[in-house]
């Protein structure tokens, strides 16, 4: 092959006038392209970052797979990455798969003192939990932190206070820190 220009019919190299006259990049290099420089020489250069390639996008001359999901709930090994390969999900063994990413904070059901300690981003009644869409048959819109019987407890409520004997239920938030006889107190 002639990289100093283009190959002429007689086996000599001549200056190129367009990339189509230059040799193709090596097989297995989807983020490389052939170019004809302003001096008439053929060269192999990186494609622009973000250019599409075999199931992903080029970055720094390398095809980076764009996974469809980093992990799958309950996955303990490799999962399909949507790019014809697999992704190791071993990191999830130390955490929980939440919204396609491995989270090392508390899984639902773990004890917590605040939202930041939970993969779900919601600590209610000192337990990590998903937000709820309904309480006692009543829809919560937007989803609530938790329930106090039929009442949706939205922000800033972080615990419920229920006294079944007196039929009292409330959603409690700051400055309250505990429940006393069905009432939020600090």
Protein backbone atom coordinates (compact mmCIF):
# COMPACT_ATOMS: atom_id res chain seq x y z
CA UNK A 1 0.00 0.00 0.00
CA UNK A 2 1.04 3.54 -0.63
CA UNK A 3 0.57 5.87 2.39
CA UNK A 4 2.61 8.71 0.95
CA UNK A 5 -0.14 9.30 -1.62
CA UNK A 6 -2.29 7.09 -3.80
CA UNK A 7 -1.21 4.00 -5.69
CA UNK A 8 -1.00 4.57 -9.39
CA UNK A 9 -1.66 1.80 -11.91
CA UNK A 10 2.07 1.38 -12.58
CA UNK A 11 2.91 0.58 -8.90
CA UNK A 12 4.13 4.07 -8.03
CA UNK A 13 2.74 6.52 -5.49
CA UNK A 14 1.16 9.77 -6.64
CA UNK A 15 -0.36 12.57 -4.54
CA UNK A 16 -4.00 11.97 -3.61
CA UNK A 17 -6.77 14.42 -4.36
CA UNK A 18 -9.50 12.83 -2.20
CA UNK A 19 -9.92 10.40 0.70
CA UNK A 20 -11.55 7.80 -1.56
CA UNK A 21 -8.16 7.32 -3.24
CA UNK A 22 -6.53 6.36 0.07
CA UNK A 23 -6.35 2.90 1.64
CA UNK A 24 -9.08 1.89 4.10
CA UNK A 25 -8.22 1.86 7.82
CA UNK A 26 -7.30 -1.55 9.23
CA UNK A 27 -10.15 -3.98 9.92
CA UNK A 28 -11.41 -3.72 13.49
CA UNK A 29 -10.79 0.03 13.72
CA UNK A 30 -14.29 1.48 13.30
CA UNK A 31 -13.27 4.87 14.73
CA UNK A 32 -10.53 5.50 12.20
CA UNK A 33 -11.00 7.12 8.82
CA UNK A 34 -8.91 7.62 5.73
CA UNK A 35 -8.04 11.16 4.76
CA UNK A 36 -6.12 12.91 2.02
CA UNK A 37 -4.08 15.72 3.54
CA UNK A 38 -3.60 19.14 2.00
CA UNK A 39 -0.13 17.99 0.86
CA UNK A 40 -1.61 15.05 -1.10
CA UNK A 41 -0.63 12.34 1.36
CA UNK A 42 -2.91 9.62 2.65
CA UNK A 43 -3.31 9.29 6.39
CA UNK A 44 -5.42 7.39 8.92
CA UNK A 45 -7.00 9.70 11.50
CA UNK A 46 -9.51 9.40 14.34
CA UNK A 47 -13.17 9.93 13.51
CA UNK A 48 -14.83 12.78 15.39
CA UNK A 49 -15.88 12.06 18.98
CA UNK A 50 -19.52 11.03 18.99
CA UNK A 51 -19.44 9.44 15.52
CA UNK A 52 -21.53 6.26 15.46
CA UNK A 53 -19.73 2.93 15.53
CA UNK A 54 -20.66 -0.73 16.14
CA UNK A 55 -23.33 -0.18 18.82
CA UNK A 56 -21.71 2.82 20.44
CA UNK A 57 -19.90 6.08 19.78
CA UNK A 58 -16.30 6.99 18.97
CA UNK A 59 -14.22 8.69 21.64
CA UNK A 60 -10.51 9.33 21.32
CA UNK A 61 -10.33 7.06 18.27
CA UNK A 62 -11.86 4.07 20.06
CA UNK A 63 -15.39 2.71 19.77
CA UNK A 64 -16.96 2.94 23.21
CA UNK A 65 -20.00 0.78 23.68
CA UNK A 66 -23.07 2.60 24.92
CA UNK A 67 -24.65 0.03 27.23
CA UNK A 68 -28.42 -0.24 27.43
CA UNK A 69 -28.11 -1.00 31.14
CA UNK A 70 -25.19 -1.12 33.53
CA UNK A 71 -26.80 -3.84 35.59
CA UNK A 72 -30.03 -5.72 35.96
CA UNK A 73 -31.95 -6.15 39.22
CA UNK A 74 -30.79 -9.30 40.92
CA UNK A 75 -27.90 -9.76 38.48
CA UNK A 76 -24.95 -11.39 40.13
CA UNK A 77 -22.76 -11.91 37.10
CA UNK A 78 -22.57 -10.69 33.56
CA UNK A 79 -25.52 -9.24 31.70
CA UNK A 80 -25.94 -8.34 28.05
CA UNK A 81 -24.79 -4.82 27.40
CA UNK A 82 -26.90 -4.27 24.27
CA UNK A 83 -23.72 -3.89 22.24
CA UNK A 84 -23.09 -7.51 21.38
CA UNK A 85 -21.05 -8.11 24.52
CA UNK A 86 -21.46 -8.42 28.24
CA UNK A 87 -20.95 -6.12 31.18
CA UNK A 88 -19.66 -7.37 34.49
CA UNK A 89 -22.14 -6.65 37.25
CA UNK A 90 -19.87 -7.85 40.02
CA UNK A 91 -19.88 -4.39 41.61
CA UNK A 92 -23.57 -4.89 42.34
CA UNK A 93 -22.67 -7.74 44.67
CA UNK A 94 -21.69 -5.04 47.19
CA UNK A 95 -24.74 -2.89 46.58
CA UNK A 96 -28.05 -2.89 44.79
CA UNK A 97 -29.02 -2.31 41.19
CA UNK A 98 -31.16 0.84 41.08
CA UNK A 99 -32.26 2.44 37.81
CA UNK A 100 -29.55 0.55 35.89
CA UNK A 101 -26.64 1.54 38.11
CA UNK A 102 -24.96 -0.16 41.04
CA UNK A 103 -25.63 1.66 44.30
CA UNK A 104 -23.65 0.97 47.48
CA UNK A 105 -26.03 2.89 49.78
CA UNK A 106 -28.86 1.13 51.60
CA UNK A 107 -31.19 -1.14 49.69
CA UNK A 108 -34.92 -0.98 50.36
CA UNK A 109 -35.60 -2.37 53.83
CA UNK A 110 -32.26 -1.21 55.26
CA UNK A 111 -32.25 1.00 58.36
CA UNK A 112 -31.55 4.67 57.64
CA UNK A 113 -31.43 8.11 59.23
CA UNK A 114 -31.86 10.17 56.06
CA UNK A 115 -32.64 10.05 52.33
CA UNK A 116 -28.95 10.12 51.35
CA UNK A 117 -28.40 6.74 52.98
CA UNK A 118 -30.77 4.99 50.56
CA UNK A 119 -30.37 3.89 46.93
CA UNK A 120 -34.01 4.87 46.40
CA UNK A 121 -33.27 8.36 47.79
CA UNK A 122 -36.14 7.90 50.27
CA UNK A 123 -35.88 7.13 53.99
CA UNK A 124 -39.32 6.84 55.61
CA UNK A 125 -39.98 5.57 59.14
CA UNK A 126 -36.20 5.04 59.38
CA UNK A 127 -36.27 2.42 56.59
CA UNK A 128 -35.11 2.79 52.96
CA UNK A 129 -38.14 2.49 50.68
CA UNK A 130 -39.44 3.46 47.25
CA UNK A 131 -41.83 6.38 47.10
CA UNK A 132 -45.48 5.30 47.05
CA UNK A 133 -48.15 5.98 44.42
CA UNK A 134 -51.15 5.39 46.69
CA UNK A 135 -52.09 5.17 50.36
CA UNK A 136 -55.14 3.21 51.46
CA UNK A 137 -56.61 3.38 47.95
CA UNK A 138 -56.01 7.13 47.56
CA UNK A 139 -53.65 8.14 44.76
CA UNK A 140 -50.52 10.10 45.71
CA UNK A 141 -49.61 12.66 43.06
CA UNK A 142 -46.71 13.20 43.02
CA UNK A 143 -45.53 9.95 44.60
CA UNK A 144 -45.20 10.34 48.37
CA UNK A 145 -42.41 9.46 50.80
CA UNK A 146 -44.75 7.05 52.60
CA UNK A 147 -48.20 6.69 54.17
CA UNK A 148 -49.94 7.48 57.42
CA UNK A 149 -52.92 5.17 56.86
CA UNK A 150 -54.86 6.77 53.96
CA UNK A 151 -52.76 9.95 53.94
CA UNK A 152 -49.93 10.48 51.44
CA UNK A 153 -46.89 11.86 53.26
CA UNK A 154 -44.98 14.15 50.92
CA UNK A 155 -41.92 16.30 51.62
CA UNK A 156 -40.76 17.19 54.20
CA UNK A 157 -42.47 14.30 56.06
CA UNK A 158 -40.08 11.50 56.90
CA UNK A 159 -42.14 9.40 59.30
CA UNK A 160 -45.76 8.58 60.11
CA UNK A 161 -47.45 8.82 63.46
CA UNK A 162 -50.45 6.54 63.96
CA UNK A 163 -52.46 5.88 67.12
CA UNK A 164 -55.00 3.17 66.23
CA UNK A 165 -56.78 3.48 69.59
CA UNK A 166 -57.67 7.15 69.02
CA UNK A 167 -57.96 6.85 65.22
CA UNK A 168 -55.24 9.52 64.73
CA UNK A 169 -52.72 9.41 61.87
CA UNK A 170 -50.35 12.15 60.77
CA UNK A 171 -47.38 12.72 58.53
CA UNK A 172 -44.45 14.11 60.50
CA UNK A 173 -41.52 16.22 59.37
CA UNK A 174 -39.02 18.64 60.91
CA UNK A 175 -38.83 19.78 63.63
CA UNK A 176 -40.70 16.66 64.88
CA UNK A 177 -38.47 13.75 65.78
CA UNK A 178 -40.89 11.25 67.31
CA UNK A 179 -44.50 10.22 67.73
CA UNK A 180 -46.41 10.55 71.02
CA UNK A 181 -50.01 9.40 71.28
CA UNK A 182 -50.66 9.93 67.58
CA UNK A 183 -49.06 13.40 67.49
CA UNK A 184 -45.76 14.55 65.99
CA UNK A 185 -43.48 15.97 68.70
CA UNK A 186 -39.90 17.15 68.97
